[in-house]
């Protein structure tokens, strides 16, 4: 009676095509420079950049509308300059009242 018992290997594990396919899947999944993890990271970066692009396109649109509105009327331009940049005429005094900090 021999001391070594041989384990019977299933036939599909002996198939050279199965071995090649398994090696290919392992290579693509983990070892290649464009493996699954890096592809996931690239895709999440692309999604983040597309969100930023959409945000900035919306901001540009809003800024252009404000610019068109300001350039269309001198009264609106003066109001914008007074409110945003605290500009005043030569014969005026400007008082800026800020709310008290909340505690």
PDB file of N, CA and C in Angstrom:
ATOM      1  N   UNK A   1       0.843  -1.160   0.000  1.00  0.00           N
ATOM      2  CA  UNK A   1       0.000   0.000   0.000  1.00  0.00           C
ATOM      3  C   UNK A   1       0.896   1.233   0.000  1.00  0.00           C
ATOM      4  N   UNK A   2       0.597   2.146  -0.911  1.00  0.00           N
ATOM      5  CA  UNK A   2       1.474   3.319  -1.026  1.00  0.00           C
ATOM      6  C   UNK A   2       1.053   4.387  -0.021  1.00  0.00           C
ATOM      7  N   UNK A   3       2.028   5.164   0.336  1.00  0.00           N
ATOM      8  CA  UNK A   3       1.778   6.218   1.325  1.00  0.00           C
ATOM      9  C   UNK A   3       1.135   7.445   0.690  1.00  0.00           C
ATOM     10  N   UNK A   4       1.325   7.610  -0.584  1.00  0.00           N
ATOM     11  CA  UNK A   4       0.794   8.791  -1.263  1.00  0.00           C
ATOM     12  C   UNK A   4      -0.503   8.460  -1.978  1.00  0.00           C
ATOM     13  N   UNK A   5      -1.488   9.267  -1.691  1.00  0.00           N
ATOM     14  CA  UNK A   5      -2.757   9.103  -2.380  1.00  0.00           C
ATOM     15  C   UNK A   5      -2.861  10.240  -3.399  1.00  0.00           C
ATOM     16  N   UNK A   6      -3.110   9.908  -4.597  1.00  0.00           N
ATOM     17  CA  UNK A   6      -3.228  10.909  -5.646  1.00  0.00           C
ATOM     18  C   UNK A   6      -4.650  11.442  -5.690  1.00  0.00           C
ATOM     19  N   UNK A   7      -4.725  12.725  -5.803  1.00  0.00           N
ATOM     20  CA  UNK A   7      -6.027  13.373  -5.906  1.00  0.00           C
ATOM     21  C   UNK A   7      -6.414  13.399  -7.378  1.00  0.00           C
ATOM     22  N   UNK A   8      -7.620  13.035  -7.645  1.00  0.00           N
ATOM     23  CA  UNK A   8      -8.071  13.026  -9.019  1.00  0.00           C
ATOM     24  C   UNK A   8      -8.420  14.457  -9.436  1.00  0.00           C
ATOM     25  N   UNK A   9      -7.759  14.969 -10.470  1.00  0.00           N
ATOM     26  CA  UNK A   9      -7.964  16.325 -10.973  1.00  0.00           C
ATOM     27  C   UNK A   9      -9.072  16.296 -12.010  1.00  0.00           C
ATOM     28  N   UNK A  10     -10.057  17.198 -11.880  1.00  0.00           N
ATOM     29  CA  UNK A  10     -11.133  17.228 -12.873  1.00  0.00           C
ATOM     30  C   UNK A  10     -10.583  17.513 -14.270  1.00  0.00           C
ATOM     31  N   UNK A  11     -11.277  17.043 -15.252  1.00  0.00           N
ATOM     32  CA  UNK A  11     -10.814  17.143 -16.638  1.00  0.00           C
ATOM     33  C   UNK A  11     -10.713  18.589 -17.116  1.00  0.00           C
ATOM     34  N   UNK A  12     -11.644  19.460 -16.686  1.00  0.00           N
ATOM     35  CA  UNK A  12     -11.594  20.839 -17.176  1.00  0.00           C
ATOM     36  C   UNK A  12     -10.357  21.588 -16.674  1.00  0.00           C
ATOM     37  N   UNK A  13      -9.772  21.159 -15.542  1.00  0.00           N
ATOM     38  CA  UNK A  13      -8.552  21.805 -15.056  1.00  0.00           C
ATOM     39  C   UNK A  13      -7.324  21.383 -15.862  1.00  0.00           C
ATOM     40  N   UNK A  14      -7.427  20.325 -16.607  1.00  0.00           N
ATOM     41  CA  UNK A  14      -6.339  19.874 -17.462  1.00  0.00           C
ATOM     42  C   UNK A  14      -6.421  20.483 -18.862  1.00  0.00           C
ATOM     43  N   UNK A  15      -7.543  21.119 -19.169  1.00  0.00           N
ATOM     44  CA  UNK A  15      -7.768  21.685 -20.496  1.00  0.00           C
ATOM     45  C   UNK A  15      -6.883  22.913 -20.694  1.00  0.00           C
ATOM     46  N   UNK A  16      -6.110  22.950 -21.780  1.00  0.00           N
ATOM     47  CA  UNK A  16      -5.176  24.049 -22.005  1.00  0.00           C
ATOM     48  C   UNK A  16      -5.910  25.354 -22.292  1.00  0.00           C
ATOM     49  N   UNK A  17      -7.094  25.294 -22.870  1.00  0.00           N
ATOM     50  CA  UNK A  17      -7.861  26.500 -23.129  1.00  0.00           C
ATOM     51  C   UNK A  17      -8.385  27.109 -21.825  1.00  0.00           C
ATOM     52  N   UNK A  18      -8.828  26.272 -20.920  1.00  0.00           N
ATOM     53  CA  UNK A  18      -9.276  26.752 -19.606  1.00  0.00           C
ATOM     54  C   UNK A  18      -8.122  27.399 -18.848  1.00  0.00           C
ATOM     55  N   UNK A  19      -6.963  26.788 -18.886  1.00  0.00           N
ATOM     56  CA  UNK A  19      -5.782  27.331 -18.209  1.00  0.00           C
ATOM     57  C   UNK A  19      -5.392  28.672 -18.833  1.00  0.00           C
ATOM     58  N   UNK A  20      -5.394  28.744 -20.159  1.00  0.00           N
ATOM     59  CA  UNK A  20      -5.046  29.996 -20.839  1.00  0.00           C
ATOM     60  C   UNK A  20      -6.061  31.092 -20.518  1.00  0.00           C
ATOM     61  N   UNK A  21      -7.358  30.755 -20.537  1.00  0.00           N
ATOM     62  CA  UNK A  21      -8.395  31.722 -20.217  1.00  0.00           C
ATOM     63  C   UNK A  21      -8.277  32.212 -18.777  1.00  0.00           C
ATOM     64  N   UNK A  22      -8.027  31.315 -17.845  1.00  0.00           N
ATOM     65  CA  UNK A  22      -7.868  31.690 -16.440  1.00  0.00           C
ATOM     66  C   UNK A  22      -6.663  32.603 -16.259  1.00  0.00           C
ATOM     67  N   UNK A  23      -5.560  32.265 -16.920  1.00  0.00           N
ATOM     68  CA  UNK A  23      -4.372  33.116 -16.837  1.00  0.00           C
ATOM     69  C   UNK A  23      -4.656  34.495 -17.429  1.00  0.00           C
ATOM     70  N   UNK A  24      -5.388  34.553 -18.533  1.00  0.00           N
ATOM     71  CA  UNK A  24      -5.753  35.819 -19.163  1.00  0.00           C
ATOM     72  C   UNK A  24      -6.616  36.671 -18.236  1.00  0.00           C
ATOM     73  N   UNK A  25      -7.606  36.057 -17.613  1.00  0.00           N
ATOM     74  CA  UNK A  25      -8.490  36.793 -16.694  1.00  0.00           C
ATOM     75  C   UNK A  25      -7.707  37.329 -15.507  1.00  0.00           C
ATOM     76  N   UNK A  26      -6.823  36.539 -14.958  1.00  0.00           N
ATOM     77  CA  UNK A  26      -6.000  37.003 -13.834  1.00  0.00           C
ATOM     78  C   UNK A  26      -5.100  38.148 -14.280  1.00  0.00           C
ATOM     79  N   UNK A  27      -4.517  38.014 -15.459  1.00  0.00           N
ATOM     80  CA  UNK A  27      -3.634  39.062 -15.972  1.00  0.00           C
ATOM     81  C   UNK A  27      -4.403  40.379 -16.157  1.00  0.00           C
ATOM     82  N   UNK A  28      -5.553  40.324 -16.800  1.00  0.00           N
ATOM     83  CA  UNK A  28      -6.347  41.528 -17.058  1.00  0.00           C
ATOM     84  C   UNK A  28      -6.879  42.121 -15.749  1.00  0.00           C
ATOM     85  N   UNK A  29      -7.257  41.271 -14.824  1.00  0.00           N
ATOM     86  CA  UNK A  29      -7.878  41.758 -13.588  1.00  0.00           C
ATOM     87  C   UNK A  29      -6.892  42.383 -12.620  1.00  0.00           C
ATOM     88  N   UNK A  30      -5.686  41.846 -12.527  1.00  0.00           N
ATOM     89  CA  UNK A  30      -4.791  42.283 -11.460  1.00  0.00           C
ATOM     90  C   UNK A  30      -3.416  42.758 -11.919  1.00  0.00           C
ATOM     91  N   UNK A  31      -2.851  42.195 -12.950  1.00  0.00           N
ATOM     92  CA  UNK A  31      -1.447  42.422 -13.254  1.00  0.00           C
ATOM     93  C   UNK A  31      -1.189  43.476 -14.325  1.00  0.00           C
ATOM     94  N   UNK A  32      -2.114  43.711 -15.205  1.00  0.00           N
ATOM     95  CA  UNK A  32      -1.920  44.648 -16.301  1.00  0.00           C
ATOM     96  C   UNK A  32      -1.935  46.085 -15.781  1.00  0.00           C
ATOM     97  N   UNK A  33      -1.309  47.014 -16.529  1.00  0.00           N
ATOM     98  CA  UNK A  33      -1.288  48.407 -16.066  1.00  0.00           C
ATOM     99  C   UNK A  33      -2.667  49.051 -16.158  1.00  0.00           C
ATOM    100  N   UNK A  34      -3.539  48.510 -16.984  1.00  0.00           N
ATOM    101  CA  UNK A  34      -4.917  48.992 -17.051  1.00  0.00           C
ATOM    102  C   UNK A  34      -5.853  47.954 -16.445  1.00  0.00           C
ATOM    103  N   UNK A  35      -5.556  47.543 -15.214  1.00  0.00           N
ATOM    104  CA  UNK A  35      -6.369  46.525 -14.560  1.00  0.00           C
ATOM    105  C   UNK A  35      -7.714  47.095 -14.121  1.00  0.00           C
ATOM    106  N   UNK A  36      -8.531  46.268 -13.542  1.00  0.00           N
ATOM    107  CA  UNK A  36      -9.888  46.671 -13.183  1.00  0.00           C
ATOM    108  C   UNK A  36      -9.903  47.802 -12.160  1.00  0.00           C
ATOM    109  N   UNK A  37      -8.999  47.771 -11.192  1.00  0.00           N
ATOM    110  CA  UNK A  37      -8.964  48.814 -10.162  1.00  0.00           C
ATOM    111  C   UNK A  37      -8.603  50.169 -10.766  1.00  0.00           C
ATOM    112  N   UNK A  38      -7.610  50.189 -11.630  1.00  0.00           N
ATOM    113  CA  UNK A  38      -7.235  51.470 -12.240  1.00  0.00           C
ATOM    114  C   UNK A  38      -8.335  51.959 -13.180  1.00  0.00           C
ATOM    115  N   UNK A  39      -9.029  51.058 -13.854  1.00  0.00           N
ATOM    116  CA  UNK A  39     -10.143  51.464 -14.707  1.00  0.00           C
ATOM    117  C   UNK A  39     -11.262  52.082 -13.875  1.00  0.00           C
ATOM    118  N   UNK A  40     -11.529  51.522 -12.711  1.00  0.00           N
ATOM    119  CA  UNK A  40     -12.535  52.092 -11.808  1.00  0.00           C
ATOM    120  C   UNK A  40     -12.115  53.485 -11.347  1.00  0.00           C
ATOM    121  N   UNK A  41     -10.849  53.652 -10.987  1.00  0.00           N
ATOM    122  CA  UNK A  41     -10.352  54.958 -10.556  1.00  0.00           C
ATOM    123  C   UNK A  41     -10.425  55.978 -11.685  1.00  0.00           C
ATOM    124  N   UNK A  42     -10.058  55.563 -12.895  1.00  0.00           N
ATOM    125  CA  UNK A  42     -10.142  56.464 -14.048  1.00  0.00           C
ATOM    126  C   UNK A  42     -11.579  56.886 -14.301  1.00  0.00           C
ATOM    127  N   UNK A  43     -12.499  55.947 -14.211  1.00  0.00           N
ATOM    128  CA  UNK A  43     -13.900  56.269 -14.465  1.00  0.00           C
ATOM    129  C   UNK A  43     -14.459  57.200 -13.399  1.00  0.00           C
ATOM    130  N   UNK A  44     -14.081  57.001 -12.145  1.00  0.00           N
ATOM    131  CA  UNK A  44     -14.560  57.904 -11.095  1.00  0.00           C
ATOM    132  C   UNK A  44     -13.970  59.302 -11.281  1.00  0.00           C
ATOM    133  N   UNK A  45     -12.736  59.393 -11.742  1.00  0.00           N
ATOM    134  CA  UNK A  45     -12.119  60.694 -12.028  1.00  0.00           C
ATOM    135  C   UNK A  45     -12.841  61.381 -13.190  1.00  0.00           C
ATOM    136  N   UNK A  46     -13.184  60.618 -14.214  1.00  0.00           N
ATOM    137  CA  UNK A  46     -13.920  61.170 -15.349  1.00  0.00           C
ATOM    138  C   UNK A  46     -15.280  61.687 -14.895  1.00  0.00           C
ATOM    139  N   UNK A  47     -15.966  60.937 -14.062  1.00  0.00           N
ATOM    140  CA  UNK A  47     -17.274  61.372 -13.556  1.00  0.00           C
ATOM    141  C   UNK A  47     -17.153  62.658 -12.749  1.00  0.00           C
ATOM    142  N   UNK A  48     -16.127  62.736 -11.916  1.00  0.00           N
ATOM    143  CA  UNK A  48     -15.925  63.941 -11.114  1.00  0.00           C
ATOM    144  C   UNK A  48     -15.639  65.141 -12.009  1.00  0.00           C
ATOM    145  N   UNK A  49     -14.806  64.955 -13.026  1.00  0.00           N
ATOM    146  CA  UNK A  49     -14.480  66.053 -13.940  1.00  0.00           C
ATOM    147  C   UNK A  49     -15.695  66.471 -14.771  1.00  0.00           C
ATOM    148  N   UNK A  50     -16.535  65.520 -15.140  1.00  0.00           N
ATOM    149  CA  UNK A  50     -17.752  65.876 -15.875  1.00  0.00           C
ATOM    150  C   UNK A  50     -18.714  66.672 -15.000  1.00  0.00           C
ATOM    151  N   UNK A  51     -18.791  66.330 -13.720  1.00  0.00           N
ATOM    152  CA  UNK A  51     -19.617  67.110 -12.798  1.00  0.00           C
ATOM    153  C   UNK A  51     -19.089  68.532 -12.663  1.00  0.00           C
ATOM    154  N   UNK A  52     -17.759  68.668 -12.552  1.00  0.00           N
ATOM    155  CA  UNK A  52     -17.158  69.997 -12.473  1.00  0.00           C
ATOM    156  C   UNK A  52     -17.403  70.784 -13.756  1.00  0.00           C
ATOM    157  N   UNK A  53     -17.311  70.110 -14.881  1.00  0.00           N
ATOM    158  CA  UNK A  53     -17.552  70.768 -16.165  1.00  0.00           C
ATOM    159  C   UNK A  53     -18.971  71.311 -16.223  1.00  0.00           C
ATOM    160  N   UNK A  54     -19.942  70.500 -15.817  1.00  0.00           N
ATOM    161  CA  UNK A  54     -21.337  70.937 -15.820  1.00  0.00           C
ATOM    162  C   UNK A  54     -21.531  72.126 -14.882  1.00  0.00           C
ATOM    163  N   UNK A  55     -20.891  72.085 -13.711  1.00  0.00           N
ATOM    164  CA  UNK A  55     -20.998  73.186 -12.760  1.00  0.00           C
ATOM    165  C   UNK A  55     -20.436  74.473 -13.355  1.00  0.00           C
ATOM    166  N   UNK A  56     -19.257  74.389 -13.970  1.00  0.00           N
ATOM    167  CA  UNK A  56     -18.628  75.582 -14.507  1.00  0.00           C
ATOM    168  C   UNK A  56     -19.362  76.108 -15.738  1.00  0.00           C
ATOM    169  N   UNK A  57     -19.947  75.228 -16.526  1.00  0.00           N
ATOM    170  CA  UNK A  57     -20.751  75.688 -17.657  1.00  0.00           C
ATOM    171  C   UNK A  57     -21.955  76.472 -17.150  1.00  0.00           C
ATOM    172  N   UNK A  58     -22.580  75.982 -16.084  1.00  0.00           N
ATOM    173  CA  UNK A  58     -23.718  76.689 -15.489  1.00  0.00           C
ATOM    174  C   UNK A  58     -23.276  78.038 -14.923  1.00  0.00           C
ATOM    175  N   UNK A  59     -22.115  78.079 -14.266  1.00  0.00           N
ATOM    176  CA  UNK A  59     -21.609  79.337 -13.716  1.00  0.00           C
ATOM    177  C   UNK A  59     -21.290  80.339 -14.829  1.00  0.00           C
ATOM    178  N   UNK A  60     -20.719  79.862 -15.928  1.00  0.00           N
ATOM    179  CA  UNK A  60     -20.411  80.747 -17.053  1.00  0.00           C
ATOM    180  C   UNK A  60     -21.697  81.309 -17.643  1.00  0.00           C
ATOM    181  N   UNK A  61     -22.706  80.468 -17.779  1.00  0.00           N
ATOM    182  CA  UNK A  61     -23.990  80.915 -18.307  1.00  0.00           C
ATOM    183  C   UNK A  61     -24.602  81.991 -17.409  1.00  0.00           C
ATOM    184  N   UNK A  62     -24.568  81.752 -16.106  1.00  0.00           N
ATOM    185  CA  UNK A  62     -25.126  82.712 -15.161  1.00  0.00           C
ATOM    186  C   UNK A  62     -24.340  84.024 -15.186  1.00  0.00           C
ATOM    187  N   UNK A  63     -23.023  83.947 -15.265  1.00  0.00           N
ATOM    188  CA  UNK A  63     -22.193  85.149 -15.302  1.00  0.00           C
ATOM    189  C   UNK A  63     -22.436  85.947 -16.575  1.00  0.00           C
ATOM    190  N   UNK A  64     -22.599  85.258 -17.692  1.00  0.00           N
ATOM    191  CA  UNK A  64     -22.878  85.963 -18.953  1.00  0.00           C
ATOM    192  C   UNK A  64     -24.235  86.666 -18.903  1.00  0.00           C
ATOM    193  N   UNK A  65     -25.219  86.018 -18.280  1.00  0.00           N
ATOM    194  CA  UNK A  65     -26.524  86.666 -18.135  1.00  0.00           C
ATOM    195  C   UNK A  65     -26.418  87.913 -17.268  1.00  0.00           C
ATOM    196  N   UNK A  66     -25.681  87.826 -16.169  1.00  0.00           N
ATOM    197  CA  UNK A  66     -25.484  88.993 -15.303  1.00  0.00           C
ATOM    198  C   UNK A  66     -24.734  90.091 -16.048  1.00  0.00           C
ATOM    199  N   UNK A  67     -23.737  89.712 -16.829  1.00  0.00           N
ATOM    200  CA  UNK A  67     -22.972  90.689 -17.593  1.00  0.00           C
ATOM    201  C   UNK A  67     -23.880  91.386 -18.609  1.00  0.00           C
ATOM    202  N   UNK A  68     -24.700  90.624 -19.307  1.00  0.00           N
ATOM    203  CA  UNK A  68     -25.612  91.206 -20.289  1.00  0.00           C
ATOM    204  C   UNK A  68     -26.587  92.152 -19.612  1.00  0.00           C
ATOM    205  N   UNK A  69     -27.063  91.756 -18.444  1.00  0.00           N
ATOM    206  CA  UNK A  69     -27.995  92.602 -17.698  1.00  0.00           C
ATOM    207  C   UNK A  69     -27.325  93.895 -17.260  1.00  0.00           C
ATOM    208  N   UNK A  70     -26.084  93.815 -16.795  1.00  0.00           N
ATOM    209  CA  UNK A  70     -25.381  95.007 -16.338  1.00  0.00           C
ATOM    210  C   UNK A  70     -25.035  95.945 -17.496  1.00  0.00           C
ATOM    211  N   UNK A  71     -24.663  95.384 -18.618  1.00  0.00           N
ATOM    212  CA  UNK A  71     -24.280  96.225 -19.753  1.00  0.00           C
ATOM    213  C   UNK A  71     -25.482  96.827 -20.464  1.00  0.00           C
ATOM    214  N   UNK A  72     -26.669  96.311 -20.193  1.00  0.00           N
ATOM    215  CA  UNK A  72     -27.857  96.812 -20.869  1.00  0.00           C
ATOM    216  C   UNK A  72     -28.386  98.095 -20.246  1.00  0.00           C
ATOM    217  N   UNK A  73     -28.062  98.364 -19.000  1.00  0.00           N
ATOM    218  CA  UNK A  73     -28.640  99.529 -18.321  1.00  0.00           C
ATOM    219  C   UNK A  73     -27.607 100.176 -17.402  1.00  0.00           C
ATOM    220  N   UNK A  74     -27.385 101.496 -17.560  1.00  0.00           N
ATOM    221  CA  UNK A  74     -26.440 102.188 -16.660  1.00  0.00           C
ATOM    222  C   UNK A  74     -26.917 102.199 -15.195  1.00  0.00           C
ATOM    223  N   UNK A  75     -28.228 102.203 -14.983  1.00  0.00           N
ATOM    224  CA  UNK A  75     -28.744 102.205 -13.612  1.00  0.00           C
ATOM    225  C   UNK A  75     -28.405 100.883 -12.910  1.00  0.00           C
ATOM    226  N   UNK A  76     -28.538  99.786 -13.625  1.00  0.00           N
ATOM    227  CA  UNK A  76     -28.213  98.483 -13.039  1.00  0.00           C
ATOM    228  C   UNK A  76     -26.710  98.353 -12.784  1.00  0.00           C
ATOM    229  N   UNK A  77     -25.922  98.926 -13.677  1.00  0.00           N
ATOM    230  CA  UNK A  77     -24.471  98.894 -13.495  1.00  0.00           C
ATOM    231  C   UNK A  77     -24.080  99.704 -12.259  1.00  0.00           C
ATOM    232  N   UNK A  78     -24.690 100.859 -12.082  1.00  0.00           N
ATOM    233  CA  UNK A  78     -24.399 101.672 -10.901  1.00  0.00           C
ATOM    234  C   UNK A  78     -24.836 100.951  -9.626  1.00  0.00           C
ATOM    235  N   UNK A  79     -26.011 100.351  -9.650  1.00  0.00           N
ATOM    236  CA  UNK A  79     -26.497  99.608  -8.488  1.00  0.00           C
ATOM    237  C   UNK A  79     -25.548  98.455  -8.142  1.00  0.00           C
ATOM    238  N   UNK A  80     -25.102  97.730  -9.169  1.00  0.00           N
ATOM    239  CA  UNK A  80     -24.165  96.629  -8.952  1.00  0.00           C
ATOM    240  C   UNK A  80     -22.856  97.134  -8.341  1.00  0.00           C
ATOM    241  N   UNK A  81     -22.319  98.220  -8.870  1.00  0.00           N
ATOM    242  CA  UNK A  81     -21.058  98.768  -8.364  1.00  0.00           C
ATOM    243  C   UNK A  81     -21.209  99.231  -6.918  1.00  0.00           C
ATOM    244  N   UNK A  82     -22.323  99.837  -6.598  1.00  0.00           N
ATOM    245  CA  UNK A  82     -22.543 100.303  -5.222  1.00  0.00           C
ATOM    246  C   UNK A  82     -22.705  99.133  -4.250  1.00  0.00           C
ATOM    247  N   UNK A  83     -23.463  98.113  -4.627  1.00  0.00           N
ATOM    248  CA  UNK A  83     -23.732  97.011  -3.711  1.00  0.00           C
ATOM    249  C   UNK A  83     -22.556  96.041  -3.598  1.00  0.00           C
ATOM    250  N   UNK A  84     -21.937  95.746  -4.701  1.00  0.00           N
ATOM    251  CA  UNK A  84     -20.896  94.720  -4.706  1.00  0.00           C
ATOM    252  C   UNK A  84     -19.534  95.265  -4.290  1.00  0.00           C
ATOM    253  N   UNK A  85     -19.175  96.433  -4.797  1.00  0.00           N
ATOM    254  CA  UNK A  85     -17.835  96.972  -4.562  1.00  0.00           C
ATOM    255  C   UNK A  85     -17.836  98.229  -3.687  1.00  0.00           C
ATOM    256  N   UNK A  86     -18.988  98.591  -3.130  1.00  0.00           N
ATOM    257  CA  UNK A  86     -19.126  99.722  -2.213  1.00  0.00           C
ATOM    258  C   UNK A  86     -18.585 101.018  -2.814  1.00  0.00           C
ATOM    259  N   UNK A  87     -18.835 101.245  -4.085  1.00  0.00           N
ATOM    260  CA  UNK A  87     -18.408 102.479  -4.738  1.00  0.00           C
ATOM    261  C   UNK A  87     -19.389 103.592  -4.400  1.00  0.00           C
ATOM    262  N   UNK A  88     -18.877 104.822  -4.426  1.00  0.00           N
ATOM    263  CA  UNK A  88     -19.728 105.962  -4.100  1.00  0.00           C
ATOM    264  C   UNK A  88     -19.355 107.128  -4.987  1.00  0.00           C
ATOM    265  N   UNK A  89     -20.235 108.101  -5.017  1.00  0.00           N
ATOM    266  CA  UNK A  89     -19.960 109.337  -5.756  1.00  0.00           C
ATOM    267  C   UNK A  89     -19.099 110.236  -4.885  1.00  0.00           C
ATOM    268  N   UNK A  90     -18.508 111.281  -5.497  1.00  0.00           N
ATOM    269  CA  UNK A  90     -17.593 112.148  -4.759  1.00  0.00           C
ATOM    270  C   UNK A  90     -18.275 112.895  -3.623  1.00  0.00           C
ATOM    271  N   UNK A  91     -19.493 113.296  -3.788  1.00  0.00           N
ATOM    272  CA  UNK A  91     -20.169 114.100  -2.768  1.00  0.00           C
ATOM    273  C   UNK A  91     -21.012 113.250  -1.812  1.00  0.00           C
ATOM    274  N   UNK A  92     -20.728 111.959  -1.690  1.00  0.00           N
ATOM    275  CA  UNK A  92     -21.518 111.082  -0.831  1.00  0.00           C
ATOM    276  C   UNK A  92     -20.643 110.502   0.279  1.00  0.00           C
ATOM    277  N   UNK A  93     -21.292 110.141   1.365  1.00  0.00           N
ATOM    278  CA  UNK A  93     -20.644 109.370   2.424  1.00  0.00           C
ATOM    279  C   UNK A  93     -21.257 107.968   2.405  1.00  0.00           C
ATOM    280  N   UNK A  94     -20.428 106.980   2.673  1.00  0.00           N
ATOM    281  CA  UNK A  94     -20.877 105.600   2.608  1.00  0.00           C
ATOM    282  C   UNK A  94     -20.785 104.987   3.997  1.00  0.00           C
ATOM    283  N   UNK A  95     -21.882 104.433   4.466  1.00  0.00           N
ATOM    284  CA  UNK A  95     -21.919 103.754   5.755  1.00  0.00           C
ATOM    285  C   UNK A  95     -22.241 102.285   5.508  1.00  0.00           C
ATOM    286  N   UNK A  96     -21.368 101.416   5.995  1.00  0.00           N
ATOM    287  CA  UNK A  96     -21.573  99.978   5.825  1.00  0.00           C
ATOM    288  C   UNK A  96     -21.957  99.406   7.173  1.00  0.00           C
ATOM    289  N   UNK A  97     -23.114  98.810   7.232  1.00  0.00           N
ATOM    290  CA  UNK A  97     -23.618  98.218   8.470  1.00  0.00           C
ATOM    291  C   UNK A  97     -23.572  96.702   8.299  1.00  0.00           C
ATOM    292  N   UNK A  98     -22.820  96.053   9.159  1.00  0.00           N
ATOM    293  CA  UNK A  98     -22.730  94.591   9.102  1.00  0.00           C
ATOM    294  C   UNK A  98     -23.462  94.007  10.312  1.00  0.00           C
ATOM    295  N   UNK A  99     -24.077  92.871  10.177  1.00  0.00           N
ATOM    296  CA  UNK A  99     -24.779  92.266  11.311  1.00  0.00           C
ATOM    297  C   UNK A  99     -23.776  91.782  12.359  1.00  0.00           C
ATOM    298  N   UNK A 100     -24.227  91.784  13.612  1.00  0.00           N
ATOM    299  CA  UNK A 100     -23.373  91.317  14.708  1.00  0.00           C
ATOM    300  C   UNK A 100     -23.168  89.809  14.575  1.00  0.00           C
ATOM    301  N   UNK A 101     -21.967  89.334  14.939  1.00  0.00           N
ATOM    302  CA  UNK A 101     -21.741  87.889  14.857  1.00  0.00           C
ATOM    303  C   UNK A 101     -22.621  87.139  15.847  1.00  0.00           C
ATOM    304  N   UNK A 102     -23.107  85.991  15.417  1.00  0.00           N
ATOM    305  CA  UNK A 102     -23.985  85.189  16.275  1.00  0.00           C
ATOM    306  C   UNK A 102     -23.142  84.377  17.255  1.00  0.00           C
ATOM    307  N   UNK A 103     -23.647  84.261  18.463  1.00  0.00           N
ATOM    308  CA  UNK A 103     -22.921  83.505  19.487  1.00  0.00           C
ATOM    309  C   UNK A 103     -23.721  82.358  19.990  1.00  0.00           C
TER     310      UNK A 103
END
